[in-house]
Amino acid sequence: MTTTRYRCSSQLSTFCSRGDGHPTRKSCKYCGSVLVVQYGTWGAYEWTGNGRYPEADARRTFTSEKVAGRWAAPRELVVRWIPEIPR
């Protein structure tokens, strides 16, 4: 299950463009930087404190950050992006 997300390449502000799916424009609405498209999935994890969240340790995976957040919040889990590794 692979999905896409996009984000502003410069990430100068919290107002910079980001979201799930493919962007509807080529540049950030806030700062004008190029938007970057990434492939992967969202995972819900127990917090480890070391910043390492391998896909195998995910309690569940999702195609949307918002859906993952709604599922993880009552279970006190954290949501992390799992990038697709090109083979």
N, C-alpha and C. Protein backbone atom coordinates (compact mmCIF):
# COMPACT_ATOMS: atom_id res chain seq x y z
N MET A 1 0.85 -1.17 0.00
CA MET A 1 0.00 0.00 0.00
C MET A 1 0.90 1.24 0.00
N THR A 2 1.01 1.87 -1.13
CA THR A 2 1.84 3.06 -1.26
C THR A 2 0.96 4.26 -1.57
N THR A 3 1.32 5.38 -1.00
CA THR A 3 0.60 6.61 -1.24
C THR A 3 1.60 7.72 -1.55
N THR A 4 1.11 8.89 -1.83
CA THR A 4 1.99 10.03 -2.10
C THR A 4 1.67 11.17 -1.14
N ARG A 5 2.66 11.99 -0.91
CA ARG A 5 2.47 13.24 -0.17
C ARG A 5 3.35 14.28 -0.82
N TYR A 6 3.06 15.53 -0.57
CA TYR A 6 3.88 16.61 -1.11
C TYR A 6 4.18 17.61 -0.01
N ARG A 7 5.28 18.33 -0.21
CA ARG A 7 5.68 19.37 0.74
C ARG A 7 6.51 20.41 0.02
N CYS A 8 6.59 21.57 0.60
CA CYS A 8 7.41 22.65 0.08
C CYS A 8 8.88 22.26 0.23
N SER A 9 9.69 22.50 -0.78
CA SER A 9 11.10 22.11 -0.72
C SER A 9 11.90 22.94 0.28
N SER A 10 11.49 24.17 0.55
CA SER A 10 12.25 25.00 1.48
C SER A 10 11.71 24.96 2.91
N GLN A 11 10.44 24.70 3.09
CA GLN A 11 9.79 24.63 4.40
C GLN A 11 10.20 25.81 5.30
N LEU A 12 10.04 27.02 4.77
CA LEU A 12 10.41 28.23 5.51
C LEU A 12 9.46 28.55 6.65
N SER A 13 8.23 28.10 6.54
CA SER A 13 7.20 28.47 7.50
C SER A 13 6.21 27.33 7.68
N THR A 14 5.46 27.39 8.76
CA THR A 14 4.39 26.41 8.96
C THR A 14 3.26 26.64 7.96
N PHE A 15 3.26 27.78 7.29
CA PHE A 15 2.23 28.08 6.29
C PHE A 15 2.57 27.51 4.91
N CYS A 16 3.78 26.97 4.75
CA CYS A 16 4.17 26.40 3.46
C CYS A 16 3.27 25.21 3.13
N SER A 17 3.10 24.97 1.83
CA SER A 17 2.19 23.93 1.35
C SER A 17 2.69 22.53 1.69
N ARG A 18 1.74 21.66 2.07
CA ARG A 18 2.02 20.26 2.30
C ARG A 18 0.69 19.51 2.34
N GLY A 19 0.72 18.21 2.08
CA GLY A 19 -0.50 17.44 2.14
C GLY A 19 -0.36 16.06 1.54
N ASP A 20 -1.43 15.29 1.61
CA ASP A 20 -1.48 13.96 1.03
C ASP A 20 -1.87 14.05 -0.43
N GLY A 21 -1.44 13.07 -1.22
CA GLY A 21 -1.78 13.03 -2.64
C GLY A 21 -0.82 13.84 -3.47
N HIS A 22 -1.23 14.16 -4.69
CA HIS A 22 -0.41 14.96 -5.60
C HIS A 22 -0.84 16.42 -5.48
N PRO A 23 0.10 17.36 -5.57
CA PRO A 23 -0.26 18.77 -5.46
C PRO A 23 -1.03 19.24 -6.69
N THR A 24 -1.86 20.24 -6.49
CA THR A 24 -2.63 20.81 -7.60
C THR A 24 -1.88 21.97 -8.26
N ARG A 25 -0.73 22.33 -7.70
CA ARG A 25 0.08 23.40 -8.25
C ARG A 25 1.54 22.98 -8.23
N LYS A 26 2.43 23.73 -8.89
CA LYS A 26 3.84 23.36 -8.97
C LYS A 26 4.69 24.02 -7.90
N SER A 27 4.17 25.09 -7.31
CA SER A 27 4.96 25.82 -6.32
C SER A 27 4.16 26.07 -5.06
N CYS A 28 4.88 26.32 -3.97
CA CYS A 28 4.28 26.58 -2.66
C CYS A 28 3.44 27.85 -2.71
N LYS A 29 2.25 27.76 -2.17
CA LYS A 29 1.35 28.91 -2.16
C LYS A 29 1.88 30.04 -1.28
N TYR A 30 2.66 29.71 -0.25
CA TYR A 30 3.15 30.71 0.70
C TYR A 30 4.45 31.38 0.23
N CYS A 31 5.46 30.55 -0.13
CA CYS A 31 6.77 31.13 -0.43
C CYS A 31 7.20 31.00 -1.89
N GLY A 32 6.50 30.21 -2.68
CA GLY A 32 6.82 30.08 -4.10
C GLY A 32 7.86 29.03 -4.44
N SER A 33 8.38 28.30 -3.43
CA SER A 33 9.37 27.26 -3.70
C SER A 33 8.72 26.07 -4.40
N VAL A 34 9.55 25.24 -5.01
CA VAL A 34 9.09 24.05 -5.72
C VAL A 34 8.52 23.04 -4.72
N LEU A 35 7.44 22.36 -5.12
CA LEU A 35 6.87 21.31 -4.27
C LEU A 35 7.52 19.97 -4.61
N VAL A 36 7.81 19.19 -3.58
CA VAL A 36 8.44 17.88 -3.72
C VAL A 36 7.39 16.81 -3.46
N VAL A 37 7.32 15.80 -4.35
CA VAL A 37 6.39 14.69 -4.17
C VAL A 37 7.18 13.50 -3.65
N GLN A 38 6.66 12.86 -2.58
CA GLN A 38 7.31 11.71 -1.98
C GLN A 38 6.35 10.52 -2.00
N TYR A 39 6.91 9.31 -2.08
CA TYR A 39 6.12 8.09 -2.10
C TYR A 39 6.40 7.28 -0.84
N GLY A 40 5.37 6.70 -0.27
CA GLY A 40 5.52 5.90 0.94
C GLY A 40 4.16 5.62 1.55
N THR A 41 4.13 5.55 2.88
CA THR A 41 2.89 5.30 3.61
C THR A 41 3.02 5.87 5.01
N TRP A 42 1.93 5.98 5.72
CA TRP A 42 1.93 6.48 7.09
C TRP A 42 1.81 5.30 8.04
N GLY A 43 2.54 5.34 9.15
CA GLY A 43 2.48 4.25 10.12
C GLY A 43 2.19 4.77 11.52
N ALA A 44 1.47 3.96 12.31
CA ALA A 44 1.19 4.28 13.71
C ALA A 44 2.10 3.41 14.57
N TYR A 45 2.85 4.06 15.45
CA TYR A 45 3.86 3.37 16.26
C TYR A 45 3.73 3.72 17.73
N GLU A 46 4.27 2.84 18.56
CA GLU A 46 4.51 3.20 19.94
C GLU A 46 5.77 4.06 19.94
N TRP A 47 5.77 5.13 20.72
CA TRP A 47 6.89 6.05 20.73
C TRP A 47 8.13 5.35 21.26
N THR A 48 9.26 5.48 20.54
CA THR A 48 10.49 4.82 20.96
C THR A 48 11.48 5.78 21.62
N GLY A 49 11.41 7.04 21.24
CA GLY A 49 12.35 8.01 21.80
C GLY A 49 13.67 8.10 21.07
N ASN A 50 13.93 7.16 20.16
CA ASN A 50 15.21 7.18 19.44
C ASN A 50 15.06 7.65 18.00
N GLY A 51 13.84 7.91 17.55
CA GLY A 51 13.62 8.40 16.19
C GLY A 51 13.62 7.33 15.12
N ARG A 52 13.71 6.08 15.51
CA ARG A 52 13.74 4.98 14.53
C ARG A 52 12.40 4.26 14.55
N TYR A 53 11.77 4.26 13.38
CA TYR A 53 10.46 3.64 13.25
C TYR A 53 10.42 2.80 11.98
N PRO A 54 10.97 1.57 12.02
CA PRO A 54 10.94 0.72 10.83
C PRO A 54 9.52 0.26 10.52
N GLU A 55 9.26 0.05 9.25
CA GLU A 55 7.92 -0.33 8.82
C GLU A 55 7.44 -1.60 9.51
N ALA A 56 8.33 -2.53 9.79
CA ALA A 56 7.95 -3.79 10.43
C ALA A 56 7.39 -3.60 11.84
N ASP A 57 7.76 -2.49 12.50
CA ASP A 57 7.29 -2.23 13.86
C ASP A 57 5.98 -1.45 13.91
N ALA A 58 5.44 -1.06 12.77
CA ALA A 58 4.19 -0.28 12.74
C ALA A 58 3.03 -1.13 13.23
N ARG A 59 2.21 -0.55 14.11
CA ARG A 59 1.01 -1.26 14.57
C ARG A 59 -0.01 -1.37 13.44
N ARG A 60 -0.03 -0.34 12.57
CA ARG A 60 -0.93 -0.31 11.42
C ARG A 60 -0.42 0.75 10.46
N THR A 61 -0.68 0.57 9.16
CA THR A 61 -0.28 1.56 8.16
C THR A 61 -1.51 2.16 7.49
N PHE A 62 -1.34 3.39 6.96
CA PHE A 62 -2.44 4.15 6.40
C PHE A 62 -1.99 4.89 5.15
N THR A 63 -2.96 5.29 4.34
CA THR A 63 -2.66 6.09 3.15
C THR A 63 -2.91 7.57 3.39
N SER A 64 -3.39 7.95 4.55
CA SER A 64 -3.67 9.35 4.87
C SER A 64 -3.16 9.68 6.27
N GLU A 65 -2.48 10.81 6.40
CA GLU A 65 -1.97 11.25 7.70
C GLU A 65 -3.11 11.55 8.66
N LYS A 66 -4.18 12.16 8.17
CA LYS A 66 -5.31 12.51 9.03
C LYS A 66 -5.99 11.26 9.59
N VAL A 67 -6.20 10.27 8.75
CA VAL A 67 -6.83 9.03 9.20
C VAL A 67 -5.92 8.32 10.20
N ALA A 68 -4.62 8.29 9.92
CA ALA A 68 -3.67 7.68 10.84
C ALA A 68 -3.69 8.38 12.20
N GLY A 69 -3.76 9.71 12.18
CA GLY A 69 -3.81 10.47 13.41
C GLY A 69 -5.06 10.21 14.23
N ARG A 70 -6.20 10.10 13.55
CA ARG A 70 -7.45 9.80 14.26
C ARG A 70 -7.42 8.41 14.88
N TRP A 71 -6.80 7.46 14.20
CA TRP A 71 -6.73 6.10 14.73
C TRP A 71 -5.72 6.01 15.87
N ALA A 72 -4.60 6.73 15.76
CA ALA A 72 -3.52 6.63 16.73
C ALA A 72 -3.78 7.40 18.02
N ALA A 73 -4.49 8.52 17.95
CA ALA A 73 -4.66 9.40 19.12
C ALA A 73 -5.25 8.70 20.34
N PRO A 74 -6.38 8.00 20.23
CA PRO A 74 -6.92 7.37 21.45
C PRO A 74 -6.05 6.22 21.96
N ARG A 75 -5.18 5.70 21.16
CA ARG A 75 -4.30 4.60 21.56
C ARG A 75 -2.94 5.11 22.05
N GLU A 76 -2.77 6.44 22.07
CA GLU A 76 -1.53 7.10 22.49
C GLU A 76 -0.33 6.62 21.68
N LEU A 77 -0.51 6.56 20.36
CA LEU A 77 0.55 6.19 19.44
C LEU A 77 0.99 7.41 18.67
N VAL A 78 2.14 7.33 18.03
CA VAL A 78 2.64 8.42 17.19
C VAL A 78 2.53 8.01 15.73
N VAL A 79 2.37 9.00 14.84
CA VAL A 79 2.25 8.75 13.41
C VAL A 79 3.53 9.23 12.74
N ARG A 80 4.11 8.36 11.92
CA ARG A 80 5.35 8.69 11.21
C ARG A 80 5.22 8.32 9.74
N TRP A 81 5.93 9.04 8.89
CA TRP A 81 5.98 8.77 7.46
C TRP A 81 7.00 7.66 7.21
N ILE A 82 6.62 6.68 6.40
CA ILE A 82 7.52 5.59 6.03
C ILE A 82 7.83 5.76 4.54
N PRO A 83 9.01 6.25 4.19
CA PRO A 83 9.33 6.47 2.78
C PRO A 83 9.49 5.14 2.03
N GLU A 84 9.07 5.16 0.77
CA GLU A 84 9.26 3.98 -0.08
C GLU A 84 10.72 3.92 -0.48
N ILE A 85 11.31 2.75 -0.35
CA ILE A 85 12.72 2.58 -0.72
C ILE A 85 12.77 2.01 -2.13
N PRO A 86 13.36 2.76 -3.08
CA PRO A 86 13.47 2.25 -4.45
C PRO A 86 14.30 0.98 -4.50
N ARG A 87 13.84 0.02 -5.30
CA ARG A 87 14.57 -1.26 -5.41
C ARG A 87 15.18 -1.41 -6.75
